[in-house]
């Protein structure tokens, strides 16, 4: 017989991987009560996901996590591409973008990423309940009853909402009867964390051959290298050994690379699946519970963390009684198209990488090596490529939360776009736009000469605790975000003495924008929430 936990929390998070931990941090920042449980008795020790994208570092920064990630990871990684007739090295995104504080792909093992998130939660008194498995849920009109199993005993827990961050085999998704459409690719991969001799450090090594693709990633811990390689067609590798890895390397290169001392060896096949919906009443899905796809472009963990941040501030407003339940519908409306796009893009890249068609194999092994070095010398190509891979180009322009006010602005980032970062000076202190945004509230940015905002720089009283207001001007004054070089103005599409205002959401996306200093549209937008 299951006991009843009489306490009612706002949110029950099921799954303590990167997505669940990021959601816990976001809920804590927004003053939401929650529990986070995981059926595993301990956190992961394998490296698993390795790449943290720029946009993920941006959204985690207000939660106090990013500096620790950057300190622990490797952001100075170069790329070496190896072909049958030689190799070349490059820094694919060096100086590609100056509107983010993180113009790089950060290499850090998932185990260390989770450890840093857990350490951050411990500083605010939050711990993961380990060895707790969800059996089923019953959704009611006011709350959800979750049946939890722990050490052969049962407990019925109550929460206003439940979020499934419990991976591809999500018990929450099954309990909510949400479909998970897709299937596997017909290709097996070998993965190993180990030591490798005769391989230049500080680089990602990509070997392109007619047989397919093999990659070496600089891991650092728990081993120096991660190798990922396609298993040849027709071969079955159920229990890989270091000899298996060595033989596989020999199929991709004649370089004298010797591997040893493995700490993790496994094989896997890639799945591509998408949940039918991300919300079923009071139940939500995030991360791998909602979408899984190929590892191409290091998108998976990053997409899940950004799911969590998107949902976190919305649950914060609803649970604090500052917004209606309808706000939560925007989570699926915004994040499901993103997941669909990520799956479509990564699947295309993955199919090219694994294809054994003669023409594709020839292009991969003989042509790419000549074309890529030339193309990546073009700054615009590097910039576009970085924005795509780093997820800086993700937007919510079609969301009901993205409103173009009147009079309309014709240039610059639109409603639903990410806020560009840029240097500013506040009270004599050099900082940036992103560092100055409020971590768990809206921010109203009022652009133009100071006299344009005399008496117009505040929102209506009901929203004053929800919205921080900042004047952005080239004129220096106390508490003004001074833009001495007008770089912020230019990045927001403004010129000269243009007067405009932008309402920034808690997750760093533009919710509303309009020309002029009349804030009636801003107040109407906030009222609509």
Protein backbone atom coordinates (compact mmCIF):
# COMPACT_ATOMS: atom_id res chain seq x y z
CA UNK A 1 0.00 0.00 0.00
CA UNK A 2 1.44 3.33 -1.01
CA UNK A 3 1.64 6.05 1.63
CA UNK A 4 0.40 9.58 0.95
CA UNK A 5 2.67 12.59 1.05
CA UNK A 6 0.30 15.29 2.30
CA UNK A 7 2.54 18.13 1.12
CA UNK A 8 1.72 19.73 -2.20
CA UNK A 9 4.54 21.14 -4.31
CA UNK A 10 4.19 23.19 -7.45
CA UNK A 11 6.24 20.92 -9.72
CA UNK A 12 7.50 17.34 -9.64
CA UNK A 13 10.50 16.86 -11.94
CA UNK A 14 11.07 13.26 -12.99
CA UNK A 15 14.64 12.74 -14.22
CA UNK A 16 17.85 14.38 -13.02
CA UNK A 17 19.88 14.57 -16.20
CA UNK A 18 20.97 17.93 -17.64
CA UNK A 19 17.39 18.85 -18.62
CA UNK A 20 15.84 18.06 -15.24
CA UNK A 21 18.67 19.76 -13.34
CA UNK A 22 18.43 22.88 -15.51
CA UNK A 23 14.67 22.98 -14.93
CA UNK A 24 15.24 22.68 -11.18
CA UNK A 25 17.65 25.64 -11.29
CA UNK A 26 15.18 27.69 -13.33
CA UNK A 27 12.27 26.91 -10.99
CA UNK A 28 14.37 27.77 -7.97
CA UNK A 29 15.29 31.13 -9.52
CA UNK A 30 11.60 31.80 -10.08
CA UNK A 31 10.53 30.97 -6.52
CA UNK A 32 8.69 27.76 -7.38
CA UNK A 33 8.45 24.82 -4.96
CA UNK A 34 9.46 21.50 -6.50
CA UNK A 35 10.88 18.02 -6.03
CA UNK A 36 13.32 16.33 -8.39
CA UNK A 37 13.54 12.53 -8.43
CA UNK A 38 15.54 10.03 -10.44
CA UNK A 39 15.35 6.25 -10.51
CA UNK A 40 19.14 5.87 -10.84
CA UNK A 41 20.94 5.41 -7.50
CA UNK A 42 23.71 7.78 -8.59
CA UNK A 43 24.52 10.44 -11.17
CA UNK A 44 26.07 9.36 -14.47
CA UNK A 45 29.81 8.73 -14.57
CA UNK A 46 30.15 8.27 -18.35
CA UNK A 47 31.01 11.28 -20.47
CA UNK A 48 27.99 10.91 -22.82
CA UNK A 49 27.13 14.32 -24.35
CA UNK A 50 30.23 16.49 -24.81
CA UNK A 51 29.37 19.80 -26.51
CA UNK A 52 27.73 22.80 -24.86
CA UNK A 53 26.57 25.41 -27.36
CA UNK A 54 26.77 29.19 -27.01
CA UNK A 55 23.02 29.68 -26.56
CA UNK A 56 22.94 27.10 -23.78
CA UNK A 57 25.75 28.92 -21.99
CA UNK A 58 23.77 32.16 -22.39
CA UNK A 59 20.53 30.84 -20.90
CA UNK A 60 22.34 29.14 -18.01
CA UNK A 61 24.35 32.25 -17.17
CA UNK A 62 21.58 33.99 -15.15
CA UNK A 63 21.28 30.80 -13.09
CA UNK A 64 24.89 31.11 -11.95
CA UNK A 65 26.06 27.98 -13.76
CA UNK A 66 27.92 29.13 -16.86
CA UNK A 67 31.15 30.46 -15.28
CA UNK A 68 31.72 27.05 -13.65
CA UNK A 69 31.04 25.22 -16.92
CA UNK A 70 33.45 27.41 -18.87
CA UNK A 71 36.13 27.04 -16.21
CA UNK A 72 35.81 23.25 -16.24
CA UNK A 73 35.52 22.82 -20.02
CA UNK A 74 37.71 23.37 -23.08
CA UNK A 75 36.76 26.26 -25.35
CA UNK A 76 40.01 26.47 -27.33
CA UNK A 77 39.49 23.41 -29.49
CA UNK A 78 40.57 23.44 -33.14
CA UNK A 79 39.46 21.08 -35.89
CA UNK A 80 41.62 18.72 -37.93
CA UNK A 81 40.03 17.05 -40.94
CA UNK A 82 41.75 13.94 -42.28
CA UNK A 83 41.33 12.58 -45.79
CA UNK A 84 42.95 9.93 -47.95
CA UNK A 85 45.41 12.45 -49.40
CA UNK A 86 46.24 14.54 -46.37
CA UNK A 87 44.77 16.66 -43.61
CA UNK A 88 44.22 20.28 -42.69
CA UNK A 89 43.52 22.15 -39.49
CA UNK A 90 41.35 25.18 -38.78
CA UNK A 91 39.44 27.11 -36.13
CA UNK A 92 36.04 26.94 -37.86
CA UNK A 93 34.34 29.69 -35.84
CA UNK A 94 37.25 31.85 -34.74
CA UNK A 95 36.09 35.48 -34.70
CA UNK A 96 32.88 34.33 -36.38
CA UNK A 97 30.60 36.27 -34.08
CA UNK A 98 30.99 39.16 -31.68
CA UNK A 99 27.44 39.37 -30.34
CA UNK A 100 27.84 36.64 -27.74
CA UNK A 101 30.20 36.22 -24.82
CA UNK A 102 30.66 32.56 -25.83
CA UNK A 103 31.80 32.40 -29.49
CA UNK A 104 32.83 28.76 -29.22
CA UNK A 105 31.67 25.19 -28.68
CA UNK A 106 32.56 24.19 -25.13
CA UNK A 107 33.78 20.62 -24.66
CA UNK A 108 32.81 19.17 -21.30
CA UNK A 109 31.61 15.71 -20.36
CA UNK A 110 27.96 15.31 -19.44
CA UNK A 111 29.01 13.80 -16.13
CA UNK A 112 30.88 16.99 -15.21
CA UNK A 113 28.04 19.18 -16.51
CA UNK A 114 25.57 17.36 -14.27
CA UNK A 115 27.98 17.58 -11.35
CA UNK A 116 28.20 21.37 -11.72
CA UNK A 117 24.41 21.72 -11.91
CA UNK A 118 24.00 19.52 -8.83
CA UNK A 119 26.59 21.56 -6.94
CA UNK A 120 24.73 24.75 -7.85
CA UNK A 121 21.43 23.31 -6.56
CA UNK A 122 23.07 22.20 -3.31
CA UNK A 123 24.12 25.81 -2.60
CA UNK A 124 20.42 26.72 -2.44
CA UNK A 125 19.44 23.67 -0.41
CA UNK A 126 18.13 21.47 -3.22
CA UNK A 127 19.06 17.81 -3.56
CA UNK A 128 18.03 15.05 -5.97
CA UNK A 129 15.95 12.20 -4.53
CA UNK A 130 17.79 9.15 -5.89
CA UNK A 131 16.47 5.63 -6.36
CA UNK A 132 12.92 6.94 -6.78
CA UNK A 133 11.00 5.63 -9.79
CA UNK A 134 7.68 6.88 -11.09
CA UNK A 135 5.12 4.12 -11.53
CA UNK A 136 2.13 6.03 -12.85
CA UNK A 137 0.29 9.35 -12.58
CA UNK A 138 -3.32 10.37 -12.11
CA UNK A 139 -4.18 13.79 -13.49
CA UNK A 140 -6.83 15.76 -11.67
CA UNK A 141 -8.36 19.18 -12.14
CA UNK A 142 -6.26 20.82 -9.42
CA UNK A 143 -3.17 18.63 -9.06
CA UNK A 144 -1.44 15.43 -10.19
CA UNK A 145 -1.01 12.34 -8.04
CA UNK A 146 2.23 10.54 -8.82
CA UNK A 147 2.92 7.03 -7.56
CA UNK A 148 6.60 6.75 -6.68
CA UNK A 149 8.52 3.57 -5.87
CA UNK A 150 11.60 3.54 -3.66
CA UNK A 151 13.31 0.52 -2.05
CA UNK A 152 10.25 -1.67 -2.53
CA UNK A 153 8.01 0.87 -0.78
CA UNK A 154 5.54 3.22 -2.41
CA UNK A 155 4.55 6.82 -1.97
CA UNK A 156 1.83 8.93 -3.53
CA UNK A 157 3.09 12.46 -4.13
CA UNK A 158 0.98 15.47 -5.08
CA UNK A 159 2.03 18.37 -7.30
CA UNK A 160 0.35 21.02 -9.40
CA UNK A 161 2.42 20.00 -12.43
CA UNK A 162 4.70 17.14 -13.46
CA UNK A 163 7.56 17.46 -15.96
CA UNK A 164 9.04 14.35 -17.54
CA UNK A 165 12.78 14.80 -18.08
CA UNK A 166 13.33 11.07 -17.85
CA UNK A 167 14.80 10.28 -21.24
CA UNK A 168 13.89 8.33 -24.33
CA UNK A 169 12.05 5.61 -22.38
CA UNK A 170 10.10 8.19 -20.37
CA UNK A 171 7.67 6.73 -17.85
CA UNK A 172 5.89 10.09 -17.78
CA UNK A 173 5.33 10.00 -21.53
CA UNK A 174 3.93 6.48 -21.30
CA UNK A 175 1.71 7.38 -18.35
CA UNK A 176 0.34 10.41 -20.23
CA UNK A 177 -0.18 8.24 -23.34
CA UNK A 178 1.74 10.59 -25.59
CA UNK A 179 2.97 9.07 -28.84
CA UNK A 180 6.67 9.01 -29.76
CA UNK A 181 6.89 8.80 -33.53
CA UNK A 182 10.01 7.74 -35.42
CA UNK A 183 12.51 4.91 -35.44
CA UNK A 184 16.16 3.86 -35.60
CA UNK A 185 18.77 4.35 -38.30
CA UNK A 186 20.25 1.20 -39.78
CA UNK A 187 23.76 1.93 -38.54
CA UNK A 188 25.69 0.88 -35.46
CA UNK A 189 28.34 3.08 -33.86
CA UNK A 190 31.28 2.27 -31.66
CA UNK A 191 32.04 4.68 -28.85
CA UNK A 192 34.93 4.63 -26.40
CA UNK A 193 36.61 6.89 -23.85
CA UNK A 194 40.30 6.03 -23.73
CA UNK A 195 43.89 7.13 -24.22
CA UNK A 196 45.37 7.56 -27.70
CA UNK A 197 48.99 7.95 -28.72
CA UNK A 198 50.26 9.84 -31.78
CA UNK A 199 47.24 12.14 -31.93
CA UNK A 200 47.63 15.91 -31.63
CA UNK A 201 45.99 17.29 -28.50
CA UNK A 202 43.62 20.26 -28.33
CA UNK A 203 41.81 19.32 -31.54
CA UNK A 204 38.74 17.49 -32.75
CA UNK A 205 39.99 14.99 -35.34
CA UNK A 206 37.55 14.09 -38.11
CA UNK A 207 38.44 11.20 -40.42
CA UNK A 208 36.35 11.10 -43.59
CA UNK A 209 36.64 7.93 -45.63
CA UNK A 210 34.61 5.96 -48.12
CA UNK A 211 33.60 3.69 -45.23
CA UNK A 212 32.08 6.60 -43.31
CA UNK A 213 33.15 8.92 -40.50
CA UNK A 214 35.35 8.52 -37.42
CA UNK A 215 35.88 11.25 -34.83
CA UNK A 216 38.23 11.80 -31.91
CA UNK A 217 37.06 14.39 -29.36
CA UNK A 218 39.35 15.87 -26.67
CA UNK A 219 37.67 14.72 -23.49
CA UNK A 220 40.15 15.33 -20.66
CA UNK A 221 38.21 13.37 -18.05
CA UNK A 222 37.61 10.51 -17.32
CA UNK A 223 39.93 9.82 -20.29
CA UNK A 224 41.86 12.00 -22.70
CA UNK A 225 39.91 11.04 -25.82
CA UNK A 226 36.44 10.04 -26.98
CA UNK A 227 36.37 8.06 -30.23
CA UNK A 228 33.18 7.66 -32.23
CA UNK A 229 33.17 5.51 -35.36
CA UNK A 230 30.77 3.76 -37.69
CA UNK A 231 30.83 -0.01 -37.46
CA UNK A 232 31.32 -1.49 -40.96
CA UNK A 233 28.17 -2.78 -42.64
CA UNK A 234 27.39 -6.39 -41.84
CA UNK A 235 29.54 -6.51 -38.69
CA UNK A 236 28.10 -7.11 -35.23
CA UNK A 237 29.98 -5.81 -32.22
CA UNK A 238 28.15 -6.78 -29.04
CA UNK A 239 31.02 -6.53 -26.55
CA UNK A 240 33.64 -4.13 -27.90
CA UNK A 241 37.22 -4.27 -26.65
CA UNK A 242 40.22 -2.01 -27.11
CA UNK A 243 41.27 -4.38 -29.90
CA UNK A 244 37.92 -3.75 -31.60
CA UNK A 245 38.57 -0.02 -31.47
CA UNK A 246 42.11 -0.43 -32.82
CA UNK A 247 40.89 -2.51 -35.74
CA UNK A 248 38.16 0.03 -36.53
CA UNK A 249 40.69 2.88 -36.55
CA UNK A 250 42.74 0.95 -39.11
CA UNK A 251 39.82 1.05 -41.52
CA UNK A 252 39.71 4.87 -41.48
CA UNK A 253 43.36 5.90 -41.45
CA UNK A 254 46.92 4.68 -41.93
CA UNK A 255 48.13 7.14 -39.27
CA UNK A 256 49.91 5.27 -36.43
CA UNK A 257 47.25 5.97 -33.80
CA UNK A 258 47.44 3.55 -30.87
CA UNK A 259 44.67 3.35 -28.28
CA UNK A 260 44.83 1.96 -24.74
CA UNK A 261 43.39 2.13 -21.22
CA UNK A 262 39.66 2.36 -22.03
CA UNK A 263 37.30 3.56 -19.29
CA UNK A 264 34.10 3.18 -21.31
CA UNK A 265 33.34 1.01 -24.33
CA UNK A 266 29.95 0.52 -25.93
CA UNK A 267 28.00 0.44 -29.15
CA UNK A 268 24.78 2.21 -29.97
CA UNK A 269 22.34 2.87 -32.77
CA UNK A 270 20.81 6.26 -33.43
CA UNK A 271 17.11 6.86 -32.95
CA UNK A 272 15.07 9.73 -34.36
CA UNK A 273 11.77 10.27 -32.57
CA UNK A 274 9.47 13.17 -31.67
CA UNK A 275 6.63 13.27 -29.16
CA UNK A 276 3.17 14.01 -30.56
CA UNK A 277 2.81 16.82 -28.03
CA UNK A 278 4.82 18.34 -25.21
CA UNK A 279 1.87 18.98 -22.90
CA UNK A 280 -1.03 16.85 -21.68
CA UNK A 281 -2.92 18.95 -19.15
CA UNK A 282 -0.70 19.26 -16.08
CA UNK A 283 1.99 16.98 -17.52
CA UNK A 284 4.89 18.23 -19.65
CA UNK A 285 7.78 16.61 -21.51
CA UNK A 286 11.26 18.06 -21.98
CA UNK A 287 14.60 16.88 -23.36
CA UNK A 288 15.01 13.31 -24.58
CA UNK A 289 11.57 12.43 -23.24
CA UNK A 290 10.18 14.71 -25.96
CA UNK A 291 12.72 14.35 -28.77
CA UNK A 292 15.75 12.24 -29.67
CA UNK A 293 17.87 12.42 -32.79
CA UNK A 294 21.34 11.87 -34.20
CA UNK A 295 24.36 13.38 -32.39
CA UNK A 296 25.24 15.46 -35.46
CA UNK A 297 26.08 19.03 -34.45
CA UNK A 298 25.93 18.37 -30.68
CA UNK A 299 22.30 19.49 -30.46
CA UNK A 300 20.57 17.00 -28.15
CA UNK A 301 21.52 17.99 -24.60
CA UNK A 302 21.47 21.66 -25.58
CA UNK A 303 17.94 21.44 -26.96
CA UNK A 304 16.78 19.77 -23.75
CA UNK A 305 18.35 22.40 -21.49
CA UNK A 306 16.72 25.14 -23.54
CA UNK A 307 13.37 23.31 -23.24
CA UNK A 308 13.84 23.52 -19.49
CA UNK A 309 14.63 27.23 -19.42
CA UNK A 310 11.67 28.02 -21.70
CA UNK A 311 9.27 26.08 -19.49
CA UNK A 312 10.84 27.19 -16.21
CA UNK A 313 9.98 30.89 -16.34
CA UNK A 314 6.45 30.16 -17.54
CA UNK A 315 5.79 27.72 -14.71
CA UNK A 316 7.25 30.39 -12.42
CA UNK A 317 4.71 33.01 -13.46
CA UNK A 318 1.78 30.59 -13.32
CA UNK A 319 2.70 29.03 -9.99
CA UNK A 320 3.19 32.48 -8.43
CA UNK A 321 -0.26 33.54 -9.67
CA UNK A 322 1.17 36.18 -12.03
CA UNK A 323 -0.06 34.58 -15.26
CA UNK A 324 -2.91 32.38 -16.39
CA UNK A 325 -2.55 28.68 -17.12
CA UNK A 326 -2.91 29.49 -20.83
CA UNK A 327 0.67 30.81 -20.81
CA UNK A 328 1.86 27.21 -20.48
CA UNK A 329 0.39 26.34 -23.88
CA UNK A 330 3.11 28.50 -25.44
CA UNK A 331 5.74 25.99 -24.29
CA UNK A 332 4.67 23.40 -26.85
CA UNK A 333 3.92 26.05 -29.48
CA UNK A 334 7.49 27.34 -29.19
CA UNK A 335 9.60 24.30 -28.45
CA UNK A 336 7.97 21.58 -30.57
CA UNK A 337 8.81 23.40 -33.86
CA UNK A 338 12.38 23.83 -32.60
CA UNK A 339 12.67 20.11 -31.89
CA UNK A 340 11.14 19.29 -35.27
CA UNK A 341 13.66 21.55 -37.01
CA UNK A 342 16.61 20.09 -35.07
CA UNK A 343 15.53 16.56 -35.97
CA UNK A 344 15.12 17.45 -39.64
CA UNK A 345 18.53 19.18 -39.86
CA UNK A 346 20.53 16.62 -37.90
CA UNK A 347 18.93 13.72 -39.76
CA UNK A 348 19.96 15.20 -43.10
CA UNK A 349 23.55 15.68 -41.96
CA UNK A 350 23.59 12.23 -40.40
CA UNK A 351 22.33 10.51 -43.55
CA UNK A 352 25.11 12.12 -45.57
CA UNK A 353 27.69 11.05 -43.00
CA UNK A 354 26.61 7.40 -42.93
CA UNK A 355 25.59 6.95 -46.57
CA UNK A 356 27.39 4.17 -48.44
CA UNK A 357 26.18 5.18 -51.87
CA UNK A 358 29.17 5.32 -54.22
CA UNK A 359 28.74 8.99 -55.14
CA UNK A 360 28.29 10.12 -51.52
CA UNK A 361 31.28 8.05 -50.39
CA UNK A 362 33.42 9.56 -53.14
CA UNK A 363 32.40 13.12 -52.27
CA UNK A 364 32.93 12.54 -48.55
CA UNK A 365 36.41 11.10 -48.95
CA UNK A 366 37.76 12.95 -52.03
CA UNK A 367 35.90 16.24 -52.53
CA UNK A 368 35.10 17.62 -49.07
CA UNK A 369 38.77 17.96 -48.19
CA UNK A 370 39.30 20.37 -51.06
CA UNK A 371 36.11 22.38 -50.69
CA UNK A 372 35.77 22.89 -46.93
CA UNK A 373 39.05 24.79 -46.35
CA UNK A 374 38.14 27.26 -49.08
CA UNK A 375 34.55 27.77 -47.94
CA UNK A 376 35.45 28.26 -44.27
CA UNK A 377 37.81 31.09 -45.14
CA UNK A 378 34.73 33.22 -45.89
CA UNK A 379 33.73 35.15 -42.71
CA UNK A 380 30.02 35.21 -43.60
CA UNK A 381 29.98 31.42 -43.99
CA UNK A 382 31.63 30.98 -40.58
CA UNK A 383 29.14 33.37 -39.02
CA UNK A 384 26.09 31.64 -40.50
CA UNK A 385 27.47 28.22 -39.62
CA UNK A 386 28.19 29.21 -36.04
CA UNK A 387 24.73 30.74 -35.55
CA UNK A 388 23.10 27.53 -36.78
CA UNK A 389 25.19 25.07 -34.76
CA UNK A 390 25.32 27.24 -31.63
CA UNK A 391 21.49 27.59 -31.63
CA UNK A 392 21.75 31.40 -31.56
CA UNK A 393 19.47 31.52 -34.58
CA UNK A 394 16.54 29.80 -32.81
CA UNK A 395 13.55 32.13 -32.68
CA UNK A 396 9.88 32.15 -31.69
CA UNK A 397 8.52 34.61 -34.24
CA UNK A 398 5.35 32.57 -34.79
CA UNK A 399 4.60 32.34 -31.06
CA UNK A 400 1.55 34.11 -29.61
CA UNK A 401 4.01 35.64 -27.13
CA UNK A 402 5.83 37.47 -29.96
CA UNK A 403 4.04 40.73 -30.73
CA UNK A 404 5.00 43.55 -33.09
CA UNK A 405 3.62 46.77 -31.62
CA UNK A 406 2.62 50.04 -33.26
CA UNK A 407 4.21 52.12 -34.66
CA UNK A 408 6.14 49.23 -36.19
CA UNK A 409 9.89 48.91 -36.32
CA UNK A 410 11.19 47.93 -39.73
CA UNK A 411 14.71 46.81 -38.89
CA UNK A 412 16.66 44.85 -36.30
CA UNK A 413 15.79 41.70 -34.34
CA UNK A 414 12.07 40.95 -34.41
CA UNK A 415 9.74 39.87 -31.65
CA UNK A 416 10.58 36.25 -30.92
CA UNK A 417 14.28 36.69 -31.70
CA UNK A 418 17.10 36.28 -29.23
CA UNK A 419 18.41 39.50 -27.71
CA UNK A 420 21.85 40.30 -29.16
CA UNK A 421 24.60 40.92 -26.63
CA UNK A 422 26.81 44.01 -26.69
CA UNK A 423 29.04 46.02 -24.32
CA UNK A 424 27.42 48.76 -22.21
CA UNK A 425 28.43 50.95 -19.28
CA UNK A 426 26.21 51.18 -16.19
CA UNK A 427 27.12 53.69 -13.47
CA UNK A 428 30.71 53.76 -14.68
CA UNK A 429 31.06 49.97 -14.76
CA UNK A 430 31.74 48.14 -18.02
CA UNK A 431 29.34 45.25 -18.54
CA UNK A 432 27.11 43.77 -21.26
CA UNK A 433 23.44 43.68 -22.17
CA UNK A 434 23.06 40.01 -21.26
CA UNK A 435 24.74 40.38 -17.87
CA UNK A 436 22.43 43.28 -17.05
CA UNK A 437 19.14 41.54 -17.87
CA UNK A 438 17.11 40.46 -14.86
CA UNK A 439 17.41 36.68 -14.32
CA UNK A 440 13.75 35.92 -13.53
CA UNK A 441 11.71 38.89 -14.74
CA UNK A 442 10.88 40.83 -17.86
CA UNK A 443 13.16 43.71 -18.84
CA UNK A 444 11.93 46.79 -20.70
CA UNK A 445 14.68 48.45 -22.74
CA UNK A 446 13.88 52.06 -23.63
CA UNK A 447 16.10 53.40 -26.43
CA UNK A 448 16.71 57.02 -27.33
CA UNK A 449 17.80 60.39 -25.90
CA UNK A 450 17.11 60.78 -22.18
CA UNK A 451 14.60 63.57 -22.69
CA UNK A 452 12.46 61.24 -24.83
CA UNK A 453 11.72 59.10 -21.77
CA UNK A 454 10.97 61.82 -19.21
CA UNK A 455 7.77 60.61 -17.55
CA UNK A 456 7.38 57.65 -19.92
CA UNK A 457 9.84 55.14 -18.50
CA UNK A 458 7.57 53.00 -16.32
CA UNK A 459 4.90 50.37 -16.79
CA UNK A 460 1.52 50.27 -15.05
CA UNK A 461 1.53 49.51 -11.33
CA UNK A 462 0.25 45.88 -11.56
CA UNK A 463 3.35 44.91 -13.57
CA UNK A 464 6.00 47.00 -11.80
CA UNK A 465 7.29 44.04 -9.74
CA UNK A 466 7.40 41.86 -12.84
CA UNK A 467 9.28 44.22 -15.15
CA UNK A 468 12.63 45.94 -14.76
CA UNK A 469 13.05 49.14 -16.77
CA UNK A 470 16.32 50.39 -18.26
CA UNK A 471 16.98 53.38 -20.50
CA UNK A 472 19.58 52.64 -23.18
CA UNK A 473 21.17 55.82 -24.48
CA UNK A 474 24.44 57.22 -25.75
CA UNK A 475 23.93 59.91 -23.08
CA UNK A 476 25.67 58.98 -19.82
CA UNK A 477 23.60 59.31 -16.63
CA UNK A 478 23.02 57.50 -13.35
CA UNK A 479 21.30 54.11 -13.76
CA UNK A 480 21.28 54.49 -17.55
CA UNK A 481 22.65 51.72 -19.76
CA UNK A 482 25.15 53.89 -21.58
CA UNK A 483 25.88 52.88 -25.16
CA UNK A 484 28.87 55.11 -25.99
CA UNK A 485 29.69 53.52 -29.34
CA UNK A 486 26.02 52.99 -30.29
CA UNK A 487 26.78 49.28 -30.82
CA UNK A 488 23.66 48.23 -28.88
CA UNK A 489 21.57 50.66 -30.89
CA UNK A 490 22.89 49.27 -34.17
CA UNK A 491 22.31 45.66 -33.12
CA UNK A 492 18.70 46.49 -32.30
CA UNK A 493 18.28 48.01 -35.77
CA UNK A 494 18.09 51.64 -34.57
CA UNK A 495 19.76 54.73 -35.98
CA UNK A 496 20.71 58.18 -34.74
CA UNK A 497 18.15 59.50 -32.26
CA UNK A 498 15.56 56.73 -32.87
CA UNK A 499 13.18 56.21 -29.95
CA UNK A 500 11.92 52.66 -29.42
CA UNK A 501 11.23 50.11 -26.72
CA UNK A 502 11.73 46.34 -26.44
CA UNK A 503 10.21 44.07 -23.79
CA UNK A 504 12.62 41.18 -23.09
CA UNK A 505 11.29 37.90 -21.75
CA UNK A 506 12.98 36.19 -18.77
CA UNK A 507 14.65 33.72 -21.17
CA UNK A 508 16.32 36.47 -23.22
CA UNK A 509 13.95 36.62 -26.20
CA UNK A 510 12.11 39.71 -27.41
CA UNK A 511 8.42 39.51 -26.52
CA UNK A 512 7.26 42.91 -27.75
CA UNK A 513 8.78 45.85 -29.61
CA UNK A 514 7.54 49.15 -30.98
CA UNK A 515 8.75 52.55 -32.04
CA UNK A 516 8.28 55.61 -29.79
CA UNK A 517 7.84 56.07 -26.05
CA UNK A 518 4.16 55.21 -25.60
CA UNK A 519 4.06 52.09 -23.41
CA UNK A 520 0.35 51.32 -23.84
CA UNK A 521 1.23 48.34 -26.03
CA UNK A 522 3.63 46.97 -23.40
CA UNK A 523 0.96 47.17 -20.72
CA UNK A 524 -1.55 45.48 -23.03
CA UNK A 525 0.98 42.71 -23.72
CA UNK A 526 1.56 42.09 -20.02
CA UNK A 527 -2.19 42.17 -19.39
CA UNK A 528 -2.65 39.48 -22.05
CA UNK A 529 -0.45 37.10 -20.05
